């Protein structure tokens, strides 16, 4: 990836950083609660959807690509109502 592309396409961590900062600023004086779970859910669901599509629904392949075991993948799919 060249430098000009990097400017147009920020890294995932930069995007999360900026989005989380915006989220907290939007809350203002309200107490931030369950931020960890909110962030994980927001990132995890699209990742699961994309990996399942990429592997044509093959859970074993998706789990292998993600570096988790199949049982963990199934638990995550159930949590996000994707199974």
C-alpha atoms as a PDB file:
ATOM      1  CA  UNK A   1       0.000   0.000   0.000  1.00  0.00           C
ATOM      2  CA  UNK A   2       1.488   3.325  -0.996  1.00  0.00           C
ATOM      3  CA  UNK A   3       1.430   6.510   1.085  1.00  0.00           C
ATOM      4  CA  UNK A   4      -1.346   8.241  -0.878  1.00  0.00           C
ATOM      5  CA  UNK A   5      -3.608   5.188  -0.521  1.00  0.00           C
ATOM      6  CA  UNK A   6      -2.858   5.100   3.221  1.00  0.00           C
ATOM      7  CA  UNK A   7      -4.134   8.680   3.548  1.00  0.00           C
ATOM      8  CA  UNK A   8      -7.393   7.822   1.791  1.00  0.00           C
ATOM      9  CA  UNK A   9      -7.832   4.454   3.487  1.00  0.00           C
ATOM     10  CA  UNK A  10      -6.940   4.723   7.193  1.00  0.00           C
ATOM     11  CA  UNK A  11      -5.990   1.639   9.124  1.00  0.00           C
ATOM     12  CA  UNK A  12      -8.607  -0.194  11.128  1.00  0.00           C
ATOM     13  CA  UNK A  13      -7.073   0.958  14.406  1.00  0.00           C
ATOM     14  CA  UNK A  14      -7.103   4.591  13.241  1.00  0.00           C
ATOM     15  CA  UNK A  15     -10.751   4.262  12.243  1.00  0.00           C
ATOM     16  CA  UNK A  16     -11.689   2.686  15.575  1.00  0.00           C
ATOM     17  CA  UNK A  17      -9.732   5.360  17.437  1.00  0.00           C
ATOM     18  CA  UNK A  18     -11.480   8.204  15.630  1.00  0.00           C
ATOM     19  CA  UNK A  19     -14.930   6.603  15.863  1.00  0.00           C
ATOM     20  CA  UNK A  20     -14.596   5.824  19.569  1.00  0.00           C
ATOM     21  CA  UNK A  21     -13.407   9.352  20.272  1.00  0.00           C
ATOM     22  CA  UNK A  22     -16.417  10.744  18.362  1.00  0.00           C
ATOM     23  CA  UNK A  23     -18.752   8.400  20.248  1.00  0.00           C
ATOM     24  CA  UNK A  24     -17.449   9.554  23.629  1.00  0.00           C
ATOM     25  CA  UNK A  25     -17.651  13.213  22.604  1.00  0.00           C
ATOM     26  CA  UNK A  26     -21.252  12.678  21.474  1.00  0.00           C
ATOM     27  CA  UNK A  27     -22.118  11.294  24.907  1.00  0.00           C
ATOM     28  CA  UNK A  28     -21.050  14.565  26.486  1.00  0.00           C
ATOM     29  CA  UNK A  29     -21.769  14.396  30.206  1.00  0.00           C
ATOM     30  CA  UNK A  30     -23.539  11.041  29.968  1.00  0.00           C
ATOM     31  CA  UNK A  31     -21.757   8.091  31.560  1.00  0.00           C
ATOM     32  CA  UNK A  32     -20.095   5.745  29.058  1.00  0.00           C
ATOM     33  CA  UNK A  33     -21.126   2.165  29.830  1.00  0.00           C
ATOM     34  CA  UNK A  34     -20.320  -1.193  28.232  1.00  0.00           C
ATOM     35  CA  UNK A  35     -17.958   0.455  25.747  1.00  0.00           C
ATOM     36  CA  UNK A  36     -15.797  -2.659  25.449  1.00  0.00           C
ATOM     37  CA  UNK A  37     -18.776  -4.862  24.534  1.00  0.00           C
ATOM     38  CA  UNK A  38     -20.190  -2.222  22.163  1.00  0.00           C
ATOM     39  CA  UNK A  39     -16.902  -1.941  20.256  1.00  0.00           C
ATOM     40  CA  UNK A  40     -16.436  -5.720  20.059  1.00  0.00           C
ATOM     41  CA  UNK A  41     -19.990  -6.236  18.805  1.00  0.00           C
ATOM     42  CA  UNK A  42     -19.632  -3.478  16.203  1.00  0.00           C
ATOM     43  CA  UNK A  43     -16.431  -5.000  14.815  1.00  0.00           C
ATOM     44  CA  UNK A  44     -17.175  -8.688  15.339  1.00  0.00           C
ATOM     45  CA  UNK A  45     -20.501  -8.971  13.506  1.00  0.00           C
ATOM     46  CA  UNK A  46     -19.328  -7.555  10.152  1.00  0.00           C
ATOM     47  CA  UNK A  47     -16.123  -9.584  10.419  1.00  0.00           C
ATOM     48  CA  UNK A  48     -18.156 -12.774  10.918  1.00  0.00           C
ATOM     49  CA  UNK A  49     -20.483 -11.901   8.035  1.00  0.00           C
ATOM     50  CA  UNK A  50     -17.597 -11.207   5.681  1.00  0.00           C
ATOM     51  CA  UNK A  51     -15.610 -14.297   6.696  1.00  0.00           C
ATOM     52  CA  UNK A  52     -18.651 -16.562   6.289  1.00  0.00           C
ATOM     53  CA  UNK A  53     -19.331 -15.067   2.863  1.00  0.00           C
ATOM     54  CA  UNK A  54     -15.629 -15.364   1.925  1.00  0.00           C
ATOM     55  CA  UNK A  55     -15.620 -19.061   2.858  1.00  0.00           C
ATOM     56  CA  UNK A  56     -19.037 -19.722   1.293  1.00  0.00           C
ATOM     57  CA  UNK A  57     -20.470 -20.640   4.685  1.00  0.00           C
ATOM     58  CA  UNK A  58     -17.744 -23.151   5.526  1.00  0.00           C
ATOM     59  CA  UNK A  59     -17.393 -22.772   9.289  1.00  0.00           C
ATOM     60  CA  UNK A  60     -14.209 -24.799   9.549  1.00  0.00           C
ATOM     61  CA  UNK A  61     -12.486 -22.645   6.919  1.00  0.00           C
ATOM     62  CA  UNK A  62     -13.810 -19.422   8.438  1.00  0.00           C
ATOM     63  CA  UNK A  63     -12.579 -20.446  11.889  1.00  0.00           C
ATOM     64  CA  UNK A  64      -9.176 -21.353  10.466  1.00  0.00           C
ATOM     65  CA  UNK A  65      -8.911 -18.011   8.619  1.00  0.00           C
ATOM     66  CA  UNK A  66      -9.816 -16.150  11.798  1.00  0.00           C
ATOM     67  CA  UNK A  67      -7.425 -18.160  13.985  1.00  0.00           C
ATOM     68  CA  UNK A  68     -10.142 -19.484  16.300  1.00  0.00           C
ATOM     69  CA  UNK A  69     -11.630 -22.936  16.745  1.00  0.00           C
ATOM     70  CA  UNK A  70     -14.924 -23.915  15.144  1.00  0.00           C
ATOM     71  CA  UNK A  71     -16.789 -24.108  18.462  1.00  0.00           C
ATOM     72  CA  UNK A  72     -15.789 -20.531  19.274  1.00  0.00           C
ATOM     73  CA  UNK A  73     -16.897 -19.425  15.808  1.00  0.00           C
ATOM     74  CA  UNK A  74     -20.294 -21.089  16.305  1.00  0.00           C
ATOM     75  CA  UNK A  75     -20.695 -19.374  19.679  1.00  0.00           C
ATOM     76  CA  UNK A  76     -19.939 -16.002  18.092  1.00  0.00           C
ATOM     77  CA  UNK A  77     -22.288 -16.681  15.156  1.00  0.00           C
ATOM     78  CA  UNK A  78     -25.078 -17.542  17.606  1.00  0.00           C
ATOM     79  CA  UNK A  79     -24.392 -14.439  19.701  1.00  0.00           C
ATOM     80  CA  UNK A  80     -24.882 -12.271  16.611  1.00  0.00           C
ATOM     81  CA  UNK A  81     -27.884 -14.276  15.346  1.00  0.00           C
ATOM     82  CA  UNK A  82     -25.949 -15.387  12.263  1.00  0.00           C
ATOM     83  CA  UNK A  83     -26.586 -19.089  12.781  1.00  0.00           C
END
